[in-house]
Amino acid sequence: METTPDRLIESTRELLWERGYVGTSPKAIQQRSGVGQGSMYHHFSGKPELALAAVRRTAEQMRETAERELALPGTAVERVSRYLRRERDVLRGCPIGRLTQDPEVVTSPQLRAPLDETFEWLRGRLADVLAEGQARGEIAPGLDTGDIAATLVAVLQGGYVLARAAGTAAPFDQAVSGALALLAQRA
């Protein structure tokens, strides 16, 4: 059974993804969660604290999802491909990436920190997988795995933006396919 704080956090996560920080009012959180004002303020001092808990949970879930895909057996390219091609709601965008476009979030060091930490973790984790593949001869030896990892994260985030602008997942899929084709080159 979901606790009251969990309902509040989950509702805030959804609202932040849909509406951004400014559009996520305490009243909207209460309506979505079915939790009254008194209970909300019993568990959280206000919207900033609740938003931070929601952003942290979103970041944590994103890392868990990525790790599940990247930790499975296979070559480095297979593991990275599995992660990049996993099922996602492309037209909704990345819940972490979308928050980086929210002025209220990026001007708050507390709210921005989990975003930066998540992207830093993802770049590092991808670089580790790529370095393993490079050591096994699966990836060209001259490539900088840190640079390639940063490129893959940029392809994902840019793919979301292009897909949302086009109203179709096709640009996202094309960007991922292109990045994987380049990664598969062993020259």
N, C-alpha and C. Protein backbone atom coordinates (compact mmCIF):
# COMPACT_ATOMS: atom_id res chain seq x y z
N MET A 1 0.84 -1.19 0.00
CA MET A 1 0.00 0.00 0.00
C MET A 1 0.89 1.25 0.00
N GLU A 2 0.54 2.18 -0.84
CA GLU A 2 1.32 3.40 -0.98
C GLU A 2 1.04 4.34 0.20
N THR A 3 2.11 4.87 0.77
CA THR A 3 1.98 5.79 1.90
C THR A 3 1.59 7.18 1.40
N THR A 4 1.16 8.02 2.32
CA THR A 4 0.80 9.39 1.97
C THR A 4 1.98 10.14 1.36
N PRO A 5 3.18 10.08 1.95
CA PRO A 5 4.31 10.77 1.31
C PRO A 5 4.59 10.24 -0.10
N ASP A 6 4.46 8.92 -0.28
CA ASP A 6 4.68 8.35 -1.61
C ASP A 6 3.65 8.87 -2.62
N ARG A 7 2.40 8.95 -2.21
CA ARG A 7 1.36 9.48 -3.12
C ARG A 7 1.66 10.93 -3.48
N LEU A 8 2.10 11.70 -2.51
CA LEU A 8 2.45 13.10 -2.77
C LEU A 8 3.64 13.20 -3.74
N ILE A 9 4.66 12.40 -3.49
CA ILE A 9 5.86 12.43 -4.34
C ILE A 9 5.52 11.98 -5.76
N GLU A 10 4.78 10.88 -5.88
CA GLU A 10 4.43 10.37 -7.21
C GLU A 10 3.57 11.37 -7.98
N SER A 11 2.64 12.00 -7.30
CA SER A 11 1.79 13.00 -7.95
C SER A 11 2.62 14.20 -8.39
N THR A 12 3.54 14.61 -7.55
CA THR A 12 4.40 15.74 -7.89
C THR A 12 5.30 15.38 -9.07
N ARG A 13 5.83 14.16 -9.09
CA ARG A 13 6.67 13.72 -10.22
C ARG A 13 5.89 13.83 -11.53
N GLU A 14 4.67 13.32 -11.54
CA GLU A 14 3.85 13.36 -12.76
C GLU A 14 3.56 14.80 -13.18
N LEU A 15 3.21 15.62 -12.22
CA LEU A 15 2.87 17.01 -12.53
C LEU A 15 4.10 17.80 -13.02
N LEU A 16 5.24 17.56 -12.41
CA LEU A 16 6.46 18.24 -12.88
C LEU A 16 6.76 17.86 -14.33
N TRP A 17 6.58 16.60 -14.66
CA TRP A 17 6.84 16.13 -16.02
C TRP A 17 5.83 16.75 -17.00
N GLU A 18 4.58 16.83 -16.58
CA GLU A 18 3.53 17.36 -17.46
C GLU A 18 3.53 18.88 -17.55
N ARG A 19 3.71 19.56 -16.40
CA ARG A 19 3.46 21.00 -16.33
C ARG A 19 4.66 21.86 -15.97
N GLY A 20 5.74 21.26 -15.49
CA GLY A 20 6.87 22.03 -15.01
C GLY A 20 6.64 22.50 -13.58
N TYR A 21 7.64 23.17 -13.04
CA TYR A 21 7.60 23.59 -11.63
C TYR A 21 6.50 24.61 -11.37
N VAL A 22 6.45 25.66 -12.18
CA VAL A 22 5.47 26.72 -11.94
C VAL A 22 4.04 26.18 -12.07
N GLY A 23 3.81 25.29 -13.03
CA GLY A 23 2.48 24.74 -13.25
C GLY A 23 2.07 23.68 -12.25
N THR A 24 2.99 23.31 -11.38
CA THR A 24 2.71 22.30 -10.36
C THR A 24 2.39 23.01 -9.05
N SER A 25 1.14 23.30 -8.86
CA SER A 25 0.73 24.02 -7.65
C SER A 25 0.45 23.03 -6.52
N PRO A 26 0.55 23.49 -5.27
CA PRO A 26 0.18 22.62 -4.15
C PRO A 26 -1.25 22.08 -4.29
N LYS A 27 -2.16 22.91 -4.79
CA LYS A 27 -3.54 22.46 -4.97
C LYS A 27 -3.61 21.32 -6.00
N ALA A 28 -2.87 21.44 -7.10
CA ALA A 28 -2.85 20.39 -8.12
C ALA A 28 -2.26 19.10 -7.54
N ILE A 29 -1.24 19.23 -6.72
CA ILE A 29 -0.63 18.06 -6.08
C ILE A 29 -1.64 17.38 -5.17
N GLN A 30 -2.35 18.18 -4.39
CA GLN A 30 -3.35 17.63 -3.47
C GLN A 30 -4.46 16.93 -4.25
N GLN A 31 -4.92 17.55 -5.33
CA GLN A 31 -5.99 16.95 -6.13
C GLN A 31 -5.53 15.64 -6.76
N ARG A 32 -4.34 15.63 -7.33
CA ARG A 32 -3.83 14.44 -8.00
C ARG A 32 -3.60 13.31 -7.01
N SER A 33 -3.08 13.65 -5.84
CA SER A 33 -2.72 12.63 -4.85
C SER A 33 -3.89 12.19 -3.98
N GLY A 34 -4.92 13.04 -3.92
CA GLY A 34 -6.03 12.75 -3.02
C GLY A 34 -5.68 13.00 -1.57
N VAL A 35 -4.66 13.80 -1.33
CA VAL A 35 -4.19 14.10 0.03
C VAL A 35 -4.58 15.54 0.37
N GLY A 36 -5.05 15.73 1.57
CA GLY A 36 -5.45 17.07 2.00
C GLY A 36 -4.26 17.96 2.33
N GLN A 37 -4.55 19.25 2.41
CA GLN A 37 -3.52 20.25 2.68
C GLN A 37 -2.79 19.98 3.99
N GLY A 38 -3.52 19.65 5.03
CA GLY A 38 -2.91 19.40 6.34
C GLY A 38 -1.93 18.24 6.29
N SER A 39 -2.33 17.17 5.62
CA SER A 39 -1.43 16.01 5.49
C SER A 39 -0.21 16.34 4.66
N MET A 40 -0.43 17.12 3.59
CA MET A 40 0.70 17.48 2.74
C MET A 40 1.75 18.25 3.55
N TYR A 41 1.29 19.24 4.30
CA TYR A 41 2.24 20.06 5.06
C TYR A 41 2.73 19.37 6.33
N HIS A 42 2.08 18.29 6.71
CA HIS A 42 2.59 17.47 7.81
C HIS A 42 3.85 16.73 7.36
N HIS A 43 3.87 16.28 6.10
CA HIS A 43 4.98 15.48 5.58
C HIS A 43 6.06 16.31 4.90
N PHE A 44 5.69 17.46 4.35
CA PHE A 44 6.64 18.30 3.61
C PHE A 44 6.42 19.75 4.01
N SER A 45 7.51 20.50 4.13
CA SER A 45 7.39 21.89 4.56
C SER A 45 6.73 22.77 3.50
N GLY A 46 6.75 22.33 2.26
CA GLY A 46 6.13 23.10 1.19
C GLY A 46 6.48 22.53 -0.16
N LYS A 47 6.09 23.24 -1.18
CA LYS A 47 6.31 22.80 -2.55
C LYS A 47 7.79 22.56 -2.87
N PRO A 48 8.72 23.44 -2.46
CA PRO A 48 10.13 23.20 -2.79
C PRO A 48 10.66 21.86 -2.25
N GLU A 49 10.33 21.54 -1.00
CA GLU A 49 10.80 20.28 -0.42
C GLU A 49 10.17 19.09 -1.13
N LEU A 50 8.90 19.18 -1.42
CA LEU A 50 8.20 18.10 -2.12
C LEU A 50 8.73 17.95 -3.54
N ALA A 51 8.97 19.05 -4.22
CA ALA A 51 9.52 18.99 -5.57
C ALA A 51 10.90 18.35 -5.55
N LEU A 52 11.72 18.68 -4.57
CA LEU A 52 13.05 18.08 -4.47
C LEU A 52 12.95 16.57 -4.27
N ALA A 53 12.03 16.13 -3.42
CA ALA A 53 11.84 14.69 -3.22
C ALA A 53 11.39 14.02 -4.52
N ALA A 54 10.54 14.69 -5.26
CA ALA A 54 10.05 14.15 -6.53
C ALA A 54 11.17 14.08 -7.57
N VAL A 55 11.97 15.13 -7.66
CA VAL A 55 13.08 15.15 -8.62
C VAL A 55 14.09 14.06 -8.26
N ARG A 56 14.38 13.92 -6.98
CA ARG A 56 15.32 12.87 -6.55
C ARG A 56 14.79 11.48 -6.90
N ARG A 57 13.52 11.26 -6.68
CA ARG A 57 12.95 9.95 -7.00
C ARG A 57 12.99 9.70 -8.51
N THR A 58 12.67 10.70 -9.29
CA THR A 58 12.72 10.56 -10.75
C THR A 58 14.15 10.22 -11.19
N ALA A 59 15.12 10.91 -10.63
CA ALA A 59 16.52 10.66 -10.97
C ALA A 59 16.93 9.25 -10.56
N GLU A 60 16.52 8.84 -9.38
CA GLU A 60 16.84 7.50 -8.89
C GLU A 60 16.24 6.43 -9.80
N GLN A 61 15.00 6.61 -10.20
CA GLN A 61 14.36 5.63 -11.07
C GLN A 61 15.00 5.59 -12.45
N MET A 62 15.43 6.75 -12.95
CA MET A 62 16.10 6.78 -14.24
C MET A 62 17.41 5.99 -14.16
N ARG A 63 18.16 6.18 -13.08
CA ARG A 63 19.41 5.43 -12.92
C ARG A 63 19.15 3.94 -12.78
N GLU A 64 18.14 3.56 -12.03
CA GLU A 64 17.80 2.14 -11.88
C GLU A 64 17.43 1.51 -13.21
N THR A 65 16.65 2.20 -14.00
CA THR A 65 16.24 1.70 -15.31
C THR A 65 17.45 1.52 -16.22
N ALA A 66 18.31 2.51 -16.25
CA ALA A 66 19.52 2.42 -17.08
C ALA A 66 20.40 1.27 -16.62
N GLU A 67 20.59 1.14 -15.33
CA GLU A 67 21.46 0.08 -14.81
C GLU A 67 20.91 -1.31 -15.14
N ARG A 68 19.60 -1.48 -15.08
CA ARG A 68 19.02 -2.78 -15.44
C ARG A 68 19.41 -3.19 -16.85
N GLU A 69 19.35 -2.24 -17.78
CA GLU A 69 19.68 -2.53 -19.18
C GLU A 69 21.18 -2.71 -19.37
N LEU A 70 21.97 -1.85 -18.76
CA LEU A 70 23.41 -1.87 -18.98
C LEU A 70 24.12 -3.01 -18.27
N ALA A 71 23.50 -3.56 -17.23
CA ALA A 71 24.12 -4.65 -16.46
C ALA A 71 23.87 -6.02 -17.06
N LEU A 72 22.96 -6.12 -18.01
CA LEU A 72 22.68 -7.42 -18.62
C LEU A 72 23.89 -7.90 -19.42
N PRO A 73 23.98 -9.20 -19.64
CA PRO A 73 25.11 -9.71 -20.41
C PRO A 73 25.05 -9.29 -21.88
N GLY A 74 26.20 -9.36 -22.53
CA GLY A 74 26.29 -9.04 -23.94
C GLY A 74 27.50 -8.18 -24.22
N THR A 75 27.71 -7.89 -25.49
CA THR A 75 28.81 -7.00 -25.85
C THR A 75 28.45 -5.58 -25.39
N ALA A 76 29.44 -4.73 -25.40
CA ALA A 76 29.20 -3.34 -25.01
C ALA A 76 28.16 -2.70 -25.93
N VAL A 77 28.30 -2.93 -27.24
CA VAL A 77 27.36 -2.34 -28.19
C VAL A 77 25.95 -2.90 -27.97
N GLU A 78 25.84 -4.19 -27.68
CA GLU A 78 24.51 -4.77 -27.41
C GLU A 78 23.90 -4.16 -26.16
N ARG A 79 24.69 -3.99 -25.13
CA ARG A 79 24.18 -3.43 -23.87
C ARG A 79 23.75 -1.97 -24.05
N VAL A 80 24.59 -1.19 -24.73
CA VAL A 80 24.26 0.22 -24.97
C VAL A 80 23.03 0.30 -25.88
N SER A 81 22.99 -0.55 -26.90
CA SER A 81 21.85 -0.57 -27.81
C SER A 81 20.56 -0.90 -27.07
N ARG A 82 20.62 -1.88 -26.19
CA ARG A 82 19.44 -2.27 -25.40
C ARG A 82 18.95 -1.08 -24.58
N TYR A 83 19.89 -0.34 -23.99
CA TYR A 83 19.50 0.83 -23.21
C TYR A 83 18.90 1.92 -24.10
N LEU A 84 19.56 2.23 -25.21
CA LEU A 84 19.08 3.31 -26.07
C LEU A 84 17.74 2.96 -26.72
N ARG A 85 17.53 1.70 -27.01
CA ARG A 85 16.30 1.28 -27.71
C ARG A 85 15.20 0.79 -26.78
N ARG A 86 15.42 0.88 -25.48
CA ARG A 86 14.39 0.40 -24.55
C ARG A 86 13.09 1.16 -24.77
N GLU A 87 12.01 0.54 -24.37
CA GLU A 87 10.71 1.19 -24.54
C GLU A 87 10.65 2.44 -23.67
N ARG A 88 10.24 3.53 -24.28
CA ARG A 88 10.09 4.81 -23.57
C ARG A 88 9.00 5.63 -24.24
N ASP A 89 8.44 6.55 -23.49
CA ASP A 89 7.41 7.44 -24.03
C ASP A 89 8.12 8.65 -24.63
N VAL A 90 8.63 8.46 -25.86
CA VAL A 90 9.48 9.45 -26.51
C VAL A 90 8.79 10.80 -26.63
N LEU A 91 7.53 10.81 -27.01
CA LEU A 91 6.86 12.09 -27.23
C LEU A 91 6.60 12.86 -25.94
N ARG A 92 6.64 12.17 -24.85
CA ARG A 92 6.50 12.86 -23.56
C ARG A 92 7.82 13.48 -23.12
N GLY A 93 8.91 12.97 -23.66
CA GLY A 93 10.23 13.48 -23.33
C GLY A 93 10.80 12.80 -22.11
N CYS A 94 12.04 13.09 -21.85
CA CYS A 94 12.74 12.56 -20.68
C CYS A 94 12.32 13.36 -19.45
N PRO A 95 11.89 12.69 -18.39
CA PRO A 95 11.46 13.45 -17.21
C PRO A 95 12.59 14.26 -16.57
N ILE A 96 13.81 13.80 -16.71
CA ILE A 96 14.95 14.56 -16.19
C ILE A 96 15.33 15.67 -17.17
N GLY A 97 15.43 15.32 -18.44
CA GLY A 97 15.79 16.30 -19.46
C GLY A 97 14.81 17.45 -19.54
N ARG A 98 13.53 17.15 -19.40
CA ARG A 98 12.53 18.23 -19.46
C ARG A 98 12.70 19.20 -18.30
N LEU A 99 13.10 18.70 -17.15
CA LEU A 99 13.29 19.59 -16.00
C LEU A 99 14.45 20.55 -16.22
N THR A 100 15.42 20.18 -17.05
CA THR A 100 16.54 21.09 -17.31
C THR A 100 16.11 22.30 -18.12
N GLN A 101 14.93 22.23 -18.72
CA GLN A 101 14.41 23.34 -19.50
C GLN A 101 13.48 24.23 -18.68
N ASP A 102 13.30 23.89 -17.42
CA ASP A 102 12.41 24.63 -16.54
C ASP A 102 13.23 25.70 -15.81
N PRO A 103 12.95 26.99 -16.07
CA PRO A 103 13.75 28.06 -15.44
C PRO A 103 13.76 28.01 -13.91
N GLU A 104 12.66 27.61 -13.30
CA GLU A 104 12.60 27.55 -11.84
C GLU A 104 13.50 26.43 -11.31
N VAL A 105 13.64 25.37 -12.06
CA VAL A 105 14.47 24.25 -11.63
C VAL A 105 15.95 24.58 -11.82
N VAL A 106 16.32 25.09 -12.98
CA VAL A 106 17.74 25.31 -13.25
C VAL A 106 18.33 26.48 -12.46
N THR A 107 17.48 27.37 -11.96
CA THR A 107 18.00 28.46 -11.13
C THR A 107 18.08 28.07 -9.65
N SER A 108 17.59 26.88 -9.33
CA SER A 108 17.66 26.40 -7.95
C SER A 108 18.77 25.35 -7.84
N PRO A 109 19.85 25.66 -7.15
CA PRO A 109 20.93 24.68 -7.02
C PRO A 109 20.45 23.35 -6.42
N GLN A 110 19.48 23.40 -5.50
CA GLN A 110 18.99 22.18 -4.88
C GLN A 110 18.22 21.30 -5.88
N LEU A 111 17.37 21.92 -6.69
CA LEU A 111 16.58 21.15 -7.66
C LEU A 111 17.42 20.71 -8.86
N ARG A 112 18.39 21.52 -9.22
CA ARG A 112 19.24 21.21 -10.38
C ARG A 112 20.24 20.10 -10.07
N ALA A 113 20.71 20.01 -8.84
CA ALA A 113 21.76 19.05 -8.47
C ALA A 113 21.42 17.60 -8.83
N PRO A 114 20.22 17.09 -8.52
CA PRO A 114 19.94 15.70 -8.89
C PRO A 114 19.94 15.47 -10.40
N LEU A 115 19.61 16.51 -11.16
CA LEU A 115 19.63 16.39 -12.62
C LEU A 115 21.07 16.22 -13.10
N ASP A 116 21.93 17.11 -12.64
CA ASP A 116 23.34 17.05 -13.03
C ASP A 116 23.97 15.74 -12.57
N GLU A 117 23.69 15.33 -11.35
CA GLU A 117 24.24 14.07 -10.83
C GLU A 117 23.79 12.88 -11.66
N THR A 118 22.55 12.89 -12.10
CA THR A 118 22.04 11.78 -12.91
C THR A 118 22.71 11.74 -14.27
N PHE A 119 22.82 12.88 -14.93
CA PHE A 119 23.49 12.88 -16.23
C PHE A 119 24.96 12.53 -16.08
N GLU A 120 25.60 13.00 -15.03
CA GLU A 120 27.00 12.65 -14.78
C GLU A 120 27.13 11.14 -14.56
N TRP A 121 26.23 10.57 -13.76
CA TRP A 121 26.25 9.13 -13.52
C TRP A 121 26.06 8.37 -14.83
N LEU A 122 25.10 8.79 -15.64
CA LEU A 122 24.81 8.09 -16.89
C LEU A 122 26.01 8.15 -17.84
N ARG A 123 26.62 9.31 -17.96
CA ARG A 123 27.82 9.42 -18.81
C ARG A 123 28.92 8.49 -18.30
N GLY A 124 29.11 8.46 -17.00
CA GLY A 124 30.13 7.60 -16.41
C GLY A 124 29.83 6.13 -16.60
N ARG A 125 28.59 5.76 -16.42
CA ARG A 125 28.21 4.34 -16.56
C ARG A 125 28.36 3.89 -18.01
N LEU A 126 27.91 4.73 -18.94
CA LEU A 126 28.08 4.40 -20.36
C LEU A 126 29.56 4.31 -20.72
N ALA A 127 30.36 5.23 -20.20
CA ALA A 127 31.81 5.21 -20.48
C ALA A 127 32.43 3.92 -19.96
N ASP A 128 31.99 3.46 -18.79
CA ASP A 128 32.51 2.20 -18.23
C ASP A 128 32.17 1.01 -19.14
N VAL A 129 30.93 0.95 -19.60
CA VAL A 129 30.50 -0.13 -20.48
C VAL A 129 31.32 -0.09 -21.78
N LEU A 130 31.48 1.10 -22.32
CA LEU A 130 32.24 1.25 -23.56
C LEU A 130 33.71 0.88 -23.36
N ALA A 131 34.28 1.24 -22.23
CA ALA A 131 35.68 0.90 -21.94
C ALA A 131 35.85 -0.61 -21.84
N GLU A 132 34.86 -1.30 -21.24
CA GLU A 132 34.90 -2.76 -21.19
C GLU A 132 34.91 -3.33 -22.60
N GLY A 133 34.04 -2.79 -23.45
CA GLY A 133 33.98 -3.25 -24.83
C GLY A 133 35.26 -2.94 -25.59
N GLN A 134 35.83 -1.81 -25.31
CA GLN A 134 37.09 -1.43 -25.97
C GLN A 134 38.20 -2.40 -25.56
N ALA A 135 38.25 -2.76 -24.29
CA ALA A 135 39.26 -3.70 -23.80
C ALA A 135 39.10 -5.08 -24.44
N ARG A 136 37.87 -5.43 -24.82
CA ARG A 136 37.61 -6.73 -25.47
C ARG A 136 37.70 -6.64 -26.99
N GLY A 137 38.05 -5.49 -27.51
CA GLY A 137 38.20 -5.33 -28.95
C GLY A 137 36.90 -5.12 -29.71
N GLU A 138 35.82 -4.80 -29.00
CA GLU A 138 34.52 -4.60 -29.63
C GLU A 138 34.35 -3.17 -30.16
N ILE A 139 35.14 -2.27 -29.64
CA ILE A 139 35.02 -0.85 -29.99
C ILE A 139 36.41 -0.36 -30.38
N ALA A 140 36.46 0.48 -31.37
CA ALA A 140 37.74 0.98 -31.89
C ALA A 140 38.61 1.50 -30.75
N PRO A 141 39.89 1.13 -30.74
CA PRO A 141 40.77 1.50 -29.64
C PRO A 141 41.05 2.99 -29.53
N GLY A 142 40.93 3.75 -30.60
CA GLY A 142 41.27 5.17 -30.55
C GLY A 142 40.16 6.06 -30.02
N LEU A 143 39.01 5.51 -29.78
CA LEU A 143 37.88 6.33 -29.32
C LEU A 143 38.01 6.65 -27.83
N ASP A 144 37.65 7.87 -27.47
CA ASP A 144 37.61 8.27 -26.07
C ASP A 144 36.22 7.89 -25.54
N THR A 145 36.18 6.90 -24.66
CA THR A 145 34.88 6.38 -24.20
C THR A 145 34.07 7.42 -23.43
N GLY A 146 34.76 8.34 -22.75
CA GLY A 146 34.04 9.42 -22.07
C GLY A 146 33.35 10.35 -23.05
N ASP A 147 34.05 10.68 -24.13
CA ASP A 147 33.45 11.54 -25.16
C ASP A 147 32.28 10.83 -25.84
N ILE A 148 32.45 9.55 -26.12
CA ILE A 148 31.37 8.79 -26.78
C ILE A 148 30.16 8.69 -25.85
N ALA A 149 30.39 8.47 -24.57
CA ALA A 149 29.28 8.41 -23.60
C ALA A 149 28.53 9.73 -23.56
N ALA A 150 29.28 10.84 -23.55
CA ALA A 150 28.64 12.16 -23.55
C ALA A 150 27.83 12.36 -24.82
N THR A 151 28.34 11.88 -25.94
CA THR A 151 27.62 11.97 -27.21
C THR A 151 26.33 11.17 -27.17
N LEU A 152 26.39 9.98 -26.60
CA LEU A 152 25.19 9.13 -26.53
C LEU A 152 24.10 9.79 -25.67
N VAL A 153 24.48 10.39 -24.57
CA VAL A 153 23.51 11.09 -23.72
C VAL A 153 22.92 12.28 -24.49
N ALA A 154 23.77 12.99 -25.23
CA ALA A 154 23.29 14.12 -26.03
C ALA A 154 22.36 13.65 -27.15
N VAL A 155 22.66 12.51 -27.75
CA VAL A 155 21.78 11.94 -28.79
C VAL A 155 20.41 11.63 -28.18
N LEU A 156 20.39 11.02 -27.01
CA LEU A 156 19.11 10.72 -26.36
C LEU A 156 18.30 11.99 -26.10
N GLN A 157 18.94 12.95 -25.46
CA GLN A 157 18.21 14.16 -25.09
C GLN A 157 17.80 14.95 -26.32
N GLY A 158 18.69 15.05 -27.30
CA GLY A 158 18.34 15.73 -28.55
C GLY A 158 17.27 14.99 -29.32
N GLY A 159 17.33 13.67 -29.27
CA GLY A 159 16.30 12.86 -29.93
C GLY A 159 14.92 13.12 -29.35
N TYR A 160 14.85 13.26 -28.04
CA TYR A 160 13.57 13.59 -27.41
C TYR A 160 13.05 14.93 -27.93
N VAL A 161 13.91 15.92 -27.98
CA VAL A 161 13.51 17.26 -28.43
C VAL A 161 13.02 17.21 -29.87
N LEU A 162 13.78 16.56 -30.74
CA LEU A 162 13.40 16.47 -32.16
C LEU A 162 12.08 15.72 -32.33
N ALA A 163 11.89 14.65 -31.58
CA ALA A 163 10.65 13.88 -31.67
C ALA A 163 9.45 14.70 -31.21
N ARG A 164 9.62 15.43 -30.11
CA ARG A 164 8.51 16.26 -29.62
C ARG A 164 8.18 17.35 -30.63
N ALA A 165 9.20 17.93 -31.25
CA ALA A 165 8.96 18.98 -32.25
C ALA A 165 8.24 18.41 -33.47
N ALA A 166 8.57 17.20 -33.86
CA ALA A 166 7.97 16.58 -35.05
C ALA A 166 6.63 15.91 -34.74
N GLY A 167 6.36 15.64 -33.48
CA GLY A 167 5.13 14.95 -33.12
C GLY A 167 5.16 13.46 -33.45
N THR A 168 6.36 12.92 -33.62
CA THR A 168 6.53 11.50 -33.92
C THR A 168 7.86 11.03 -33.35
N ALA A 169 7.94 9.76 -33.01
CA ALA A 169 9.17 9.20 -32.44
C ALA A 169 10.25 8.97 -33.50
N ALA A 170 9.92 9.13 -34.77
CA ALA A 170 10.87 8.82 -35.85
C ALA A 170 12.21 9.55 -35.70
N PRO A 171 12.28 10.85 -35.40
CA PRO A 171 13.59 11.49 -35.26
C PRO A 171 14.41 10.91 -34.10
N PHE A 172 13.76 10.52 -33.03
CA PHE A 172 14.46 9.89 -31.91
C PHE A 172 15.07 8.57 -32.38
N ASP A 173 14.25 7.75 -33.00
CA ASP A 173 14.72 6.44 -33.48
C ASP A 173 15.86 6.60 -34.48
N GLN A 174 15.76 7.58 -35.36
CA GLN A 174 16.80 7.83 -36.35
C GLN A 174 18.11 8.25 -35.67
N ALA A 175 18.02 9.12 -34.68
CA ALA A 175 19.22 9.57 -33.97
C ALA A 175 19.90 8.40 -33.25
N VAL A 176 19.11 7.56 -32.60
CA VAL A 176 19.65 6.39 -31.91
C VAL A 176 20.30 5.43 -32.91
N SER A 177 19.62 5.17 -34.02
CA SER A 177 20.18 4.27 -35.04
C SER A 177 21.50 4.81 -35.58
N GLY A 178 21.57 6.10 -35.83
CA GLY A 178 22.80 6.71 -36.33
C GLY A 178 23.93 6.60 -35.32
N ALA A 179 23.65 6.87 -34.06
CA ALA A 179 24.68 6.78 -33.03
C ALA A 179 25.19 5.35 -32.90
N LEU A 180 24.28 4.39 -32.93
CA LEU A 180 24.69 2.99 -32.81
C LEU A 180 25.49 2.53 -34.02
N ALA A 181 25.14 3.03 -35.21
CA ALA A 181 25.90 2.68 -36.42
C ALA A 181 27.33 3.20 -36.30
N LEU A 182 27.48 4.42 -35.80
CA LEU A 182 28.83 4.97 -35.60
C LEU A 182 29.60 4.19 -34.54
N LEU A 183 28.92 3.82 -33.48
CA LEU A 183 29.55 3.08 -32.39
C LEU A 183 30.02 1.71 -32.86
N ALA A 184 29.29 1.10 -33.77
CA ALA A 184 29.62 -0.24 -34.25
C ALA A 184 30.84 -0.26 -35.17
N GLN A 185 31.26 0.91 -35.63
CA GLN A 185 32.46 0.99 -36.51
C GLN A 185 33.69 0.62 -35.70
N ARG A 186 34.50 -0.24 -36.26
CA ARG A 186 35.71 -0.68 -35.54
C ARG A 186 36.98 -0.22 -36.24
N ALA A 187 36.85 0.67 -37.19
CA ALA A 187 38.02 1.07 -38.00
C ALA A 187 39.09 1.75 -37.20
